[in-house]
């Protein structure tokens, strides 16, 4: 019988990606183990986030952290997570407890964000619980790019995330 991983109390260790031109904010829940190892967003090789964003922006899939950052900023996209620290088992969003929410005012007061998107249901739920009551800014729930979301193939994800393109125009 496979033993469950223990809960660890983990803090978000890397900064949001944004600048003074960021109009779109994409929020995840909390970095996966692979993302924490790489010290950057969506680091698991099976996560489709970078493939989806590249397809929507009609660009090559970025490989390095500087390429990923550049892609986001050139298209006025900010990326962060709704959780600053929590207890988590591995990378499973469903195991998250004892949440300390992220202070999104860092971005919302310093960038002209007019659309906020949640990368998956958990990011949406945590935003609605912790951040919406403070900021009152609507969030649009998109299907998760996580490999755990097997219901959505890459093409279906790109189609569902396509509404971001309208925000970029």
N, C-alpha and C. Protein backbone atom coordinates (compact mmCIF):
# COMPACT_ATOMS: atom_id res chain seq x y z
N UNK A 1 0.84 -1.19 0.00
CA UNK A 1 0.00 0.00 0.00
C UNK A 1 0.88 1.25 0.00
N UNK A 2 0.58 2.15 -0.92
CA UNK A 2 1.36 3.37 -1.05
C UNK A 2 1.08 4.31 0.12
N UNK A 3 2.16 4.77 0.73
CA UNK A 3 2.03 5.67 1.87
C UNK A 3 1.82 7.10 1.39
N UNK A 4 0.90 7.81 2.02
CA UNK A 4 0.64 9.20 1.65
C UNK A 4 1.81 10.08 2.06
N UNK A 5 2.06 11.10 1.22
CA UNK A 5 3.09 12.07 1.56
C UNK A 5 2.61 12.87 2.76
N UNK A 6 3.54 13.33 3.59
CA UNK A 6 3.13 14.14 4.74
C UNK A 6 2.75 15.56 4.30
N UNK A 7 1.98 16.22 5.14
CA UNK A 7 1.71 17.63 4.91
C UNK A 7 2.95 18.42 5.26
N UNK A 8 3.27 19.40 4.42
CA UNK A 8 4.36 20.31 4.70
C UNK A 8 3.79 21.73 4.72
N UNK A 9 4.30 22.56 5.63
CA UNK A 9 3.94 23.97 5.59
C UNK A 9 4.94 24.64 4.66
N UNK A 10 4.43 25.21 3.57
CA UNK A 10 5.29 25.75 2.52
C UNK A 10 4.91 27.19 2.23
N UNK A 11 5.94 28.02 1.99
CA UNK A 11 5.73 29.42 1.61
C UNK A 11 6.05 29.59 0.13
N UNK A 12 5.29 30.47 -0.51
CA UNK A 12 5.52 30.82 -1.92
C UNK A 12 6.82 31.62 -1.94
N UNK A 13 7.81 31.13 -2.67
CA UNK A 13 9.15 31.72 -2.60
C UNK A 13 9.53 32.61 -3.78
N UNK A 14 8.70 32.70 -4.81
CA UNK A 14 9.11 33.55 -5.94
C UNK A 14 8.07 34.62 -6.23
N UNK A 15 8.55 35.66 -6.87
CA UNK A 15 7.76 36.87 -7.09
C UNK A 15 6.74 36.70 -8.22
N UNK A 16 5.72 37.54 -8.22
CA UNK A 16 4.79 37.53 -9.35
C UNK A 16 5.49 38.06 -10.60
N UNK A 17 4.95 37.72 -11.74
CA UNK A 17 5.41 38.28 -13.01
C UNK A 17 4.39 39.34 -13.41
N UNK A 18 4.83 40.58 -13.52
CA UNK A 18 3.95 41.67 -13.96
C UNK A 18 4.80 42.90 -14.20
N UNK A 19 4.23 43.88 -14.88
CA UNK A 19 4.84 45.20 -14.97
C UNK A 19 3.73 46.23 -15.06
N UNK A 20 4.08 47.46 -15.30
CA UNK A 20 3.10 48.55 -15.30
C UNK A 20 2.17 48.52 -16.52
N UNK A 21 2.37 47.54 -17.42
CA UNK A 21 1.50 47.40 -18.59
C UNK A 21 0.62 46.15 -18.53
N UNK A 22 0.65 45.44 -17.43
CA UNK A 22 -0.10 44.18 -17.32
C UNK A 22 -1.60 44.44 -17.19
N UNK A 23 -2.35 44.01 -18.19
CA UNK A 23 -3.81 44.19 -18.19
C UNK A 23 -4.55 42.92 -17.77
N UNK A 24 -3.88 41.79 -17.89
CA UNK A 24 -4.48 40.50 -17.59
C UNK A 24 -3.71 39.87 -16.43
N UNK A 25 -4.43 39.34 -15.46
CA UNK A 25 -3.82 38.63 -14.34
C UNK A 25 -4.34 37.20 -14.34
N UNK A 26 -3.43 36.24 -14.44
CA UNK A 26 -3.79 34.83 -14.36
C UNK A 26 -3.32 34.32 -13.01
N UNK A 27 -4.25 33.75 -12.25
CA UNK A 27 -3.94 33.27 -10.92
C UNK A 27 -4.03 31.75 -10.83
N UNK A 28 -2.99 31.15 -10.31
CA UNK A 28 -3.02 29.73 -9.97
C UNK A 28 -3.28 29.62 -8.48
N UNK A 29 -3.23 28.41 -7.96
CA UNK A 29 -3.44 28.22 -6.53
C UNK A 29 -2.14 28.40 -5.78
N UNK A 30 -1.23 27.43 -5.98
CA UNK A 30 0.05 27.41 -5.26
C UNK A 30 1.01 26.60 -6.11
N UNK A 31 2.30 26.95 -6.14
CA UNK A 31 3.23 26.24 -7.01
C UNK A 31 3.35 24.75 -6.68
N UNK A 32 3.44 23.95 -7.73
CA UNK A 32 3.66 22.51 -7.57
C UNK A 32 5.07 22.27 -7.05
N UNK A 33 5.34 21.04 -6.67
CA UNK A 33 6.69 20.67 -6.22
C UNK A 33 7.70 21.03 -7.31
N UNK A 34 7.41 20.69 -8.58
CA UNK A 34 8.33 20.98 -9.69
C UNK A 34 8.52 22.49 -9.86
N UNK A 35 7.46 23.24 -9.74
CA UNK A 35 7.57 24.70 -9.86
C UNK A 35 8.41 25.27 -8.73
N UNK A 36 8.23 24.74 -7.52
CA UNK A 36 9.03 25.20 -6.38
C UNK A 36 10.50 24.86 -6.58
N UNK A 37 10.78 23.70 -7.17
CA UNK A 37 12.17 23.32 -7.46
C UNK A 37 12.79 24.26 -8.48
N UNK A 38 12.02 24.66 -9.49
CA UNK A 38 12.51 25.55 -10.55
C UNK A 38 12.43 27.02 -10.17
N UNK A 39 11.70 27.30 -9.09
CA UNK A 39 11.52 28.68 -8.63
C UNK A 39 10.80 29.54 -9.67
N UNK A 40 9.82 28.90 -10.37
CA UNK A 40 9.04 29.64 -11.36
C UNK A 40 7.74 28.90 -11.63
N UNK A 41 6.82 29.60 -12.25
CA UNK A 41 5.46 29.13 -12.49
C UNK A 41 5.37 28.01 -13.52
N UNK A 42 4.48 27.07 -13.24
CA UNK A 42 4.12 25.99 -14.16
C UNK A 42 5.34 25.24 -14.66
N UNK A 43 6.12 24.74 -13.71
CA UNK A 43 7.37 24.06 -14.01
C UNK A 43 7.24 22.58 -14.31
N UNK A 44 6.09 21.98 -14.02
CA UNK A 44 5.94 20.55 -14.31
C UNK A 44 5.89 20.37 -15.82
N UNK A 45 6.70 19.47 -16.37
CA UNK A 45 6.75 19.32 -17.83
C UNK A 45 5.41 18.90 -18.46
N UNK A 46 4.52 18.31 -17.67
CA UNK A 46 3.22 17.90 -18.20
C UNK A 46 2.16 18.99 -18.11
N UNK A 47 2.45 20.08 -17.39
CA UNK A 47 1.49 21.17 -17.30
C UNK A 47 1.44 21.88 -18.66
N UNK A 48 0.23 22.15 -19.12
CA UNK A 48 0.05 22.72 -20.46
C UNK A 48 0.01 24.24 -20.49
N UNK A 49 0.26 24.90 -19.36
CA UNK A 49 0.13 26.36 -19.29
C UNK A 49 0.94 27.07 -20.39
N UNK A 50 2.22 26.75 -20.51
CA UNK A 50 3.07 27.47 -21.46
C UNK A 50 2.69 27.16 -22.90
N UNK A 51 2.22 25.94 -23.18
CA UNK A 51 1.76 25.60 -24.53
C UNK A 51 0.50 26.39 -24.87
N UNK A 52 -0.40 26.52 -23.89
CA UNK A 52 -1.65 27.26 -24.13
C UNK A 52 -1.35 28.74 -24.36
N UNK A 53 -0.57 29.34 -23.50
CA UNK A 53 -0.25 30.77 -23.64
C UNK A 53 0.47 31.03 -24.96
N UNK A 54 1.43 30.18 -25.30
CA UNK A 54 2.16 30.36 -26.56
C UNK A 54 1.21 30.26 -27.76
N UNK A 55 0.30 29.30 -27.72
CA UNK A 55 -0.66 29.15 -28.81
C UNK A 55 -1.56 30.38 -28.93
N UNK A 56 -2.04 30.88 -27.81
CA UNK A 56 -2.92 32.05 -27.82
C UNK A 56 -2.19 33.30 -28.32
N UNK A 57 -0.91 33.39 -28.01
CA UNK A 57 -0.10 34.54 -28.43
C UNK A 57 0.55 34.32 -29.79
N UNK A 58 0.31 33.14 -30.38
CA UNK A 58 0.86 32.78 -31.68
C UNK A 58 2.38 32.87 -31.69
N UNK A 59 2.99 32.26 -30.68
CA UNK A 59 4.44 32.25 -30.54
C UNK A 59 4.92 30.84 -30.23
N UNK A 60 6.23 30.67 -30.29
CA UNK A 60 6.84 29.39 -29.93
C UNK A 60 6.71 29.21 -28.42
N UNK A 61 6.68 27.96 -27.99
CA UNK A 61 6.60 27.66 -26.56
C UNK A 61 7.93 28.07 -25.92
N UNK A 62 7.88 28.94 -24.91
CA UNK A 62 9.13 29.38 -24.26
C UNK A 62 9.70 28.25 -23.40
N UNK A 63 11.01 28.19 -23.34
CA UNK A 63 11.66 27.12 -22.57
C UNK A 63 12.32 27.62 -21.30
N UNK A 64 13.00 28.74 -21.38
CA UNK A 64 13.72 29.25 -20.21
C UNK A 64 12.83 30.22 -19.42
N UNK A 65 13.21 30.47 -18.18
CA UNK A 65 12.46 31.43 -17.36
C UNK A 65 12.48 32.83 -18.00
N UNK A 66 13.63 33.32 -18.49
CA UNK A 66 13.60 34.64 -19.15
C UNK A 66 12.66 34.67 -20.37
N UNK A 67 12.64 33.58 -21.15
CA UNK A 67 11.73 33.53 -22.30
C UNK A 67 10.28 33.54 -21.85
N UNK A 68 9.97 32.81 -20.80
CA UNK A 68 8.60 32.75 -20.28
C UNK A 68 8.18 34.13 -19.77
N UNK A 69 9.05 34.76 -19.01
CA UNK A 69 8.76 36.10 -18.48
C UNK A 69 8.54 37.09 -19.61
N UNK A 70 9.42 37.05 -20.60
CA UNK A 70 9.32 37.95 -21.74
C UNK A 70 8.01 37.76 -22.50
N UNK A 71 7.62 36.51 -22.72
CA UNK A 71 6.37 36.22 -23.41
C UNK A 71 5.19 36.85 -22.67
N UNK A 72 5.14 36.64 -21.37
CA UNK A 72 4.04 37.20 -20.58
C UNK A 72 4.01 38.72 -20.64
N UNK A 73 5.15 39.33 -20.39
CA UNK A 73 5.18 40.79 -20.32
C UNK A 73 4.92 41.46 -21.67
N UNK A 74 5.41 40.88 -22.76
CA UNK A 74 5.15 41.45 -24.08
C UNK A 74 3.67 41.43 -24.42
N UNK A 75 2.94 40.49 -23.82
CA UNK A 75 1.51 40.38 -24.08
C UNK A 75 0.67 40.92 -22.92
N UNK A 76 1.31 41.66 -22.03
CA UNK A 76 0.63 42.36 -20.93
C UNK A 76 -0.10 41.41 -19.98
N UNK A 77 0.52 40.24 -19.75
CA UNK A 77 -0.05 39.23 -18.87
C UNK A 77 0.76 39.15 -17.58
N UNK A 78 0.06 39.18 -16.47
CA UNK A 78 0.68 38.98 -15.15
C UNK A 78 0.30 37.58 -14.67
N UNK A 79 1.20 36.96 -13.91
CA UNK A 79 0.94 35.64 -13.35
C UNK A 79 1.33 35.64 -11.88
N UNK A 80 0.45 35.06 -11.07
CA UNK A 80 0.74 34.90 -9.65
C UNK A 80 -0.15 33.80 -9.11
N UNK A 81 -0.09 33.57 -7.84
CA UNK A 81 -0.91 32.56 -7.19
C UNK A 81 -1.71 33.20 -6.07
N UNK A 82 -2.86 32.60 -5.75
CA UNK A 82 -3.73 33.18 -4.72
C UNK A 82 -3.30 32.83 -3.31
N UNK A 83 -2.39 31.85 -3.17
CA UNK A 83 -1.96 31.42 -1.85
C UNK A 83 -0.49 31.78 -1.61
N UNK A 84 -0.22 32.45 -0.50
CA UNK A 84 1.15 32.83 -0.13
C UNK A 84 1.84 31.73 0.64
N UNK A 85 1.08 31.02 1.47
CA UNK A 85 1.63 29.88 2.20
C UNK A 85 0.48 29.00 2.65
N UNK A 86 0.81 27.73 2.85
CA UNK A 86 -0.23 26.77 3.23
C UNK A 86 0.41 25.46 3.67
N UNK A 87 -0.42 24.58 4.17
CA UNK A 87 -0.03 23.18 4.38
C UNK A 87 -0.49 22.44 3.13
N UNK A 88 0.40 21.64 2.56
CA UNK A 88 0.07 20.92 1.33
C UNK A 88 0.77 19.58 1.32
N UNK A 89 0.12 18.63 0.73
CA UNK A 89 0.69 17.30 0.55
C UNK A 89 1.12 17.18 -0.91
N UNK A 90 2.44 17.15 -1.17
CA UNK A 90 2.94 17.09 -2.55
C UNK A 90 2.54 18.32 -3.33
N UNK A 91 1.87 18.09 -4.47
CA UNK A 91 1.42 19.20 -5.32
C UNK A 91 -0.10 19.28 -5.40
N UNK A 92 -0.78 18.45 -4.63
CA UNK A 92 -2.23 18.35 -4.75
C UNK A 92 -3.01 19.52 -4.19
N UNK A 93 -3.66 20.27 -5.07
CA UNK A 93 -4.50 21.39 -4.63
C UNK A 93 -5.58 20.94 -3.66
N UNK A 94 -6.08 19.72 -3.84
CA UNK A 94 -7.16 19.24 -2.98
C UNK A 94 -6.69 19.02 -1.54
N UNK A 95 -5.37 18.95 -1.33
CA UNK A 95 -4.86 18.73 0.03
C UNK A 95 -4.58 20.03 0.78
N UNK A 96 -4.70 21.16 0.11
CA UNK A 96 -4.33 22.45 0.71
C UNK A 96 -5.20 22.78 1.91
N UNK A 97 -4.54 23.20 3.00
CA UNK A 97 -5.25 23.68 4.19
C UNK A 97 -4.38 24.71 4.89
N UNK A 98 -4.96 25.36 5.89
CA UNK A 98 -4.26 26.41 6.65
C UNK A 98 -3.66 27.47 5.72
N UNK A 99 -4.51 28.04 4.91
CA UNK A 99 -4.12 28.99 3.88
C UNK A 99 -3.81 30.38 4.44
N UNK A 100 -2.72 30.95 3.94
CA UNK A 100 -2.45 32.38 4.11
C UNK A 100 -2.54 32.94 2.69
N UNK A 101 -3.53 33.81 2.44
CA UNK A 101 -3.70 34.30 1.07
C UNK A 101 -2.61 35.28 0.65
N UNK A 102 -2.41 35.36 -0.64
CA UNK A 102 -1.48 36.32 -1.23
C UNK A 102 -2.09 37.72 -1.16
N UNK A 103 -1.24 38.71 -0.94
CA UNK A 103 -1.70 40.10 -0.97
C UNK A 103 -1.65 40.59 -2.41
N UNK A 104 -2.75 40.43 -3.11
CA UNK A 104 -2.81 40.78 -4.53
C UNK A 104 -2.71 42.27 -4.79
N UNK A 105 -2.78 43.10 -3.75
CA UNK A 105 -2.67 44.55 -3.96
C UNK A 105 -1.32 44.91 -4.57
N UNK A 106 -0.32 44.07 -4.39
CA UNK A 106 1.00 44.31 -4.99
C UNK A 106 0.85 44.52 -6.50
N UNK A 107 0.04 43.70 -7.13
CA UNK A 107 -0.20 43.85 -8.57
C UNK A 107 -1.35 44.81 -8.84
N UNK A 108 -2.45 44.64 -8.14
CA UNK A 108 -3.65 45.40 -8.45
C UNK A 108 -3.50 46.90 -8.24
N UNK A 109 -2.56 47.31 -7.40
CA UNK A 109 -2.32 48.75 -7.20
C UNK A 109 -1.20 49.29 -8.08
N UNK A 110 -0.50 48.39 -8.79
CA UNK A 110 0.65 48.83 -9.57
C UNK A 110 0.58 48.46 -11.05
N UNK A 111 -0.52 47.89 -11.47
CA UNK A 111 -0.71 47.53 -12.87
C UNK A 111 -2.18 47.75 -13.23
N UNK A 112 -2.43 48.11 -14.49
CA UNK A 112 -3.81 48.40 -14.91
C UNK A 112 -4.61 47.14 -15.24
N UNK A 113 -4.66 46.19 -14.32
CA UNK A 113 -5.35 44.92 -14.55
C UNK A 113 -6.85 45.17 -14.72
N UNK A 114 -7.38 44.72 -15.87
CA UNK A 114 -8.82 44.85 -16.05
C UNK A 114 -9.51 43.51 -16.22
N UNK A 115 -8.76 42.42 -16.30
CA UNK A 115 -9.34 41.07 -16.35
C UNK A 115 -8.50 40.14 -15.47
N UNK A 116 -9.19 39.35 -14.66
CA UNK A 116 -8.52 38.36 -13.83
C UNK A 116 -9.08 36.99 -14.20
N UNK A 117 -8.18 36.04 -14.42
CA UNK A 117 -8.56 34.68 -14.77
C UNK A 117 -7.99 33.71 -13.74
N UNK A 118 -8.77 32.69 -13.43
CA UNK A 118 -8.32 31.64 -12.53
C UNK A 118 -7.93 30.42 -13.35
N UNK A 119 -6.74 29.90 -13.09
CA UNK A 119 -6.30 28.67 -13.75
C UNK A 119 -6.85 27.50 -12.93
N UNK A 120 -8.12 27.18 -13.16
CA UNK A 120 -8.75 26.05 -12.50
C UNK A 120 -9.72 26.45 -11.39
N UNK A 121 -10.51 25.46 -10.99
CA UNK A 121 -11.55 25.67 -9.98
C UNK A 121 -10.99 26.03 -8.62
N UNK A 122 -9.92 25.38 -8.19
CA UNK A 122 -9.37 25.67 -6.85
C UNK A 122 -8.85 27.10 -6.77
N UNK A 123 -8.17 27.57 -7.80
CA UNK A 123 -7.69 28.95 -7.81
C UNK A 123 -8.89 29.91 -7.73
N UNK A 124 -9.93 29.59 -8.47
CA UNK A 124 -11.16 30.39 -8.44
C UNK A 124 -11.76 30.40 -7.03
N UNK A 125 -11.91 29.21 -6.45
CA UNK A 125 -12.52 29.10 -5.13
C UNK A 125 -11.74 29.85 -4.06
N UNK A 126 -10.40 29.70 -4.08
CA UNK A 126 -9.58 30.40 -3.08
C UNK A 126 -9.63 31.92 -3.30
N UNK A 127 -9.65 32.36 -4.55
CA UNK A 127 -9.76 33.79 -4.84
C UNK A 127 -11.08 34.32 -4.27
N UNK A 128 -12.18 33.61 -4.56
CA UNK A 128 -13.49 34.06 -4.10
C UNK A 128 -13.57 34.10 -2.57
N UNK A 129 -12.93 33.17 -1.92
CA UNK A 129 -12.97 33.11 -0.45
C UNK A 129 -12.11 34.20 0.19
N UNK A 130 -10.90 34.40 -0.33
CA UNK A 130 -9.95 35.28 0.35
C UNK A 130 -9.75 36.65 -0.30
N UNK A 131 -9.80 36.74 -1.60
CA UNK A 131 -9.44 37.99 -2.28
C UNK A 131 -10.63 38.80 -2.78
N UNK A 132 -11.65 38.13 -3.27
CA UNK A 132 -12.81 38.87 -3.77
C UNK A 132 -13.43 39.78 -2.70
N UNK A 133 -13.59 39.32 -1.45
CA UNK A 133 -14.16 40.21 -0.44
C UNK A 133 -13.33 41.49 -0.20
N UNK A 134 -12.04 41.42 -0.47
CA UNK A 134 -11.16 42.58 -0.26
C UNK A 134 -11.17 43.50 -1.48
N UNK A 135 -11.01 42.92 -2.67
CA UNK A 135 -10.81 43.72 -3.87
C UNK A 135 -12.08 43.92 -4.70
N UNK A 136 -13.04 43.02 -4.58
CA UNK A 136 -14.28 43.14 -5.32
C UNK A 136 -14.14 43.03 -6.83
N UNK A 137 -13.03 42.53 -7.29
CA UNK A 137 -12.80 42.39 -8.74
C UNK A 137 -13.25 41.00 -9.19
N UNK A 138 -14.04 40.97 -10.23
CA UNK A 138 -14.54 39.70 -10.77
C UNK A 138 -13.38 38.86 -11.29
N UNK A 139 -13.58 37.55 -11.27
CA UNK A 139 -12.59 36.61 -11.79
C UNK A 139 -13.33 35.63 -12.70
N UNK A 140 -12.67 35.25 -13.78
CA UNK A 140 -13.24 34.30 -14.74
C UNK A 140 -12.53 32.97 -14.55
N UNK A 141 -13.32 31.93 -14.35
CA UNK A 141 -12.75 30.59 -14.12
C UNK A 141 -12.47 29.91 -15.45
N UNK A 142 -11.22 29.49 -15.63
CA UNK A 142 -10.81 28.73 -16.81
C UNK A 142 -10.46 27.31 -16.37
N UNK A 143 -10.53 26.34 -17.28
CA UNK A 143 -10.13 24.98 -16.91
C UNK A 143 -8.64 24.93 -16.59
N UNK A 144 -8.29 24.13 -15.62
CA UNK A 144 -6.91 24.01 -15.19
C UNK A 144 -6.02 23.43 -16.28
N UNK A 145 -4.81 23.97 -16.38
CA UNK A 145 -3.82 23.44 -17.33
C UNK A 145 -3.03 22.29 -16.72
N UNK A 146 -3.32 21.95 -15.48
CA UNK A 146 -2.62 20.87 -14.78
C UNK A 146 -2.80 19.54 -15.51
N UNK A 147 -1.76 18.67 -15.44
CA UNK A 147 -1.92 17.34 -16.02
C UNK A 147 -3.01 16.53 -15.31
N UNK A 148 -3.38 16.92 -14.10
CA UNK A 148 -4.45 16.22 -13.38
C UNK A 148 -5.81 16.45 -14.05
N UNK A 149 -5.93 17.48 -14.86
CA UNK A 149 -7.17 17.78 -15.57
C UNK A 149 -7.15 17.05 -16.92
N UNK A 150 -7.31 15.73 -16.86
CA UNK A 150 -7.23 14.89 -18.06
C UNK A 150 -8.46 15.04 -18.96
N UNK A 151 -9.54 15.60 -18.44
CA UNK A 151 -10.75 15.78 -19.23
C UNK A 151 -10.51 16.74 -20.39
N UNK A 152 -9.60 17.70 -20.18
CA UNK A 152 -9.31 18.70 -21.20
C UNK A 152 -7.99 18.36 -21.89
N UNK A 153 -8.08 18.01 -23.18
CA UNK A 153 -6.88 17.86 -23.99
C UNK A 153 -6.35 19.24 -24.34
N UNK A 154 -5.18 19.30 -24.95
CA UNK A 154 -4.55 20.58 -25.26
C UNK A 154 -5.43 21.46 -26.15
N UNK A 155 -5.99 20.91 -27.20
CA UNK A 155 -6.81 21.72 -28.12
C UNK A 155 -8.04 22.28 -27.42
N UNK A 156 -8.65 21.48 -26.57
CA UNK A 156 -9.83 21.94 -25.83
C UNK A 156 -9.44 23.04 -24.84
N UNK A 157 -8.27 22.91 -24.21
CA UNK A 157 -7.79 23.95 -23.30
C UNK A 157 -7.56 25.26 -24.06
N UNK A 158 -6.89 25.16 -25.20
CA UNK A 158 -6.61 26.36 -26.00
C UNK A 158 -7.92 27.04 -26.38
N UNK A 159 -8.90 26.25 -26.77
CA UNK A 159 -10.21 26.81 -27.13
C UNK A 159 -10.85 27.51 -25.93
N UNK A 160 -10.85 26.84 -24.78
CA UNK A 160 -11.47 27.41 -23.58
C UNK A 160 -10.75 28.67 -23.10
N UNK A 161 -9.43 28.68 -23.22
CA UNK A 161 -8.64 29.83 -22.80
C UNK A 161 -8.64 30.94 -23.85
N UNK A 162 -9.25 30.70 -25.00
CA UNK A 162 -9.24 31.66 -26.10
C UNK A 162 -9.81 33.01 -25.76
N UNK A 163 -10.68 33.07 -24.75
CA UNK A 163 -11.27 34.36 -24.37
C UNK A 163 -10.20 35.35 -23.89
N UNK A 164 -9.06 34.85 -23.48
CA UNK A 164 -7.97 35.75 -23.08
C UNK A 164 -7.50 36.57 -24.26
N UNK A 165 -7.50 35.98 -25.44
CA UNK A 165 -7.05 36.68 -26.65
C UNK A 165 -7.87 37.95 -26.86
N UNK A 166 -9.18 37.87 -26.61
CA UNK A 166 -10.05 39.04 -26.77
C UNK A 166 -9.63 40.15 -25.80
N UNK A 167 -9.13 39.75 -24.62
CA UNK A 167 -8.67 40.74 -23.65
C UNK A 167 -7.37 41.40 -24.08
N UNK A 168 -6.61 40.68 -24.90
CA UNK A 168 -5.32 41.21 -25.35
C UNK A 168 -5.46 42.24 -26.45
N UNK A 169 -6.60 42.25 -27.15
CA UNK A 169 -6.79 43.15 -28.28
C UNK A 169 -7.08 44.57 -27.86
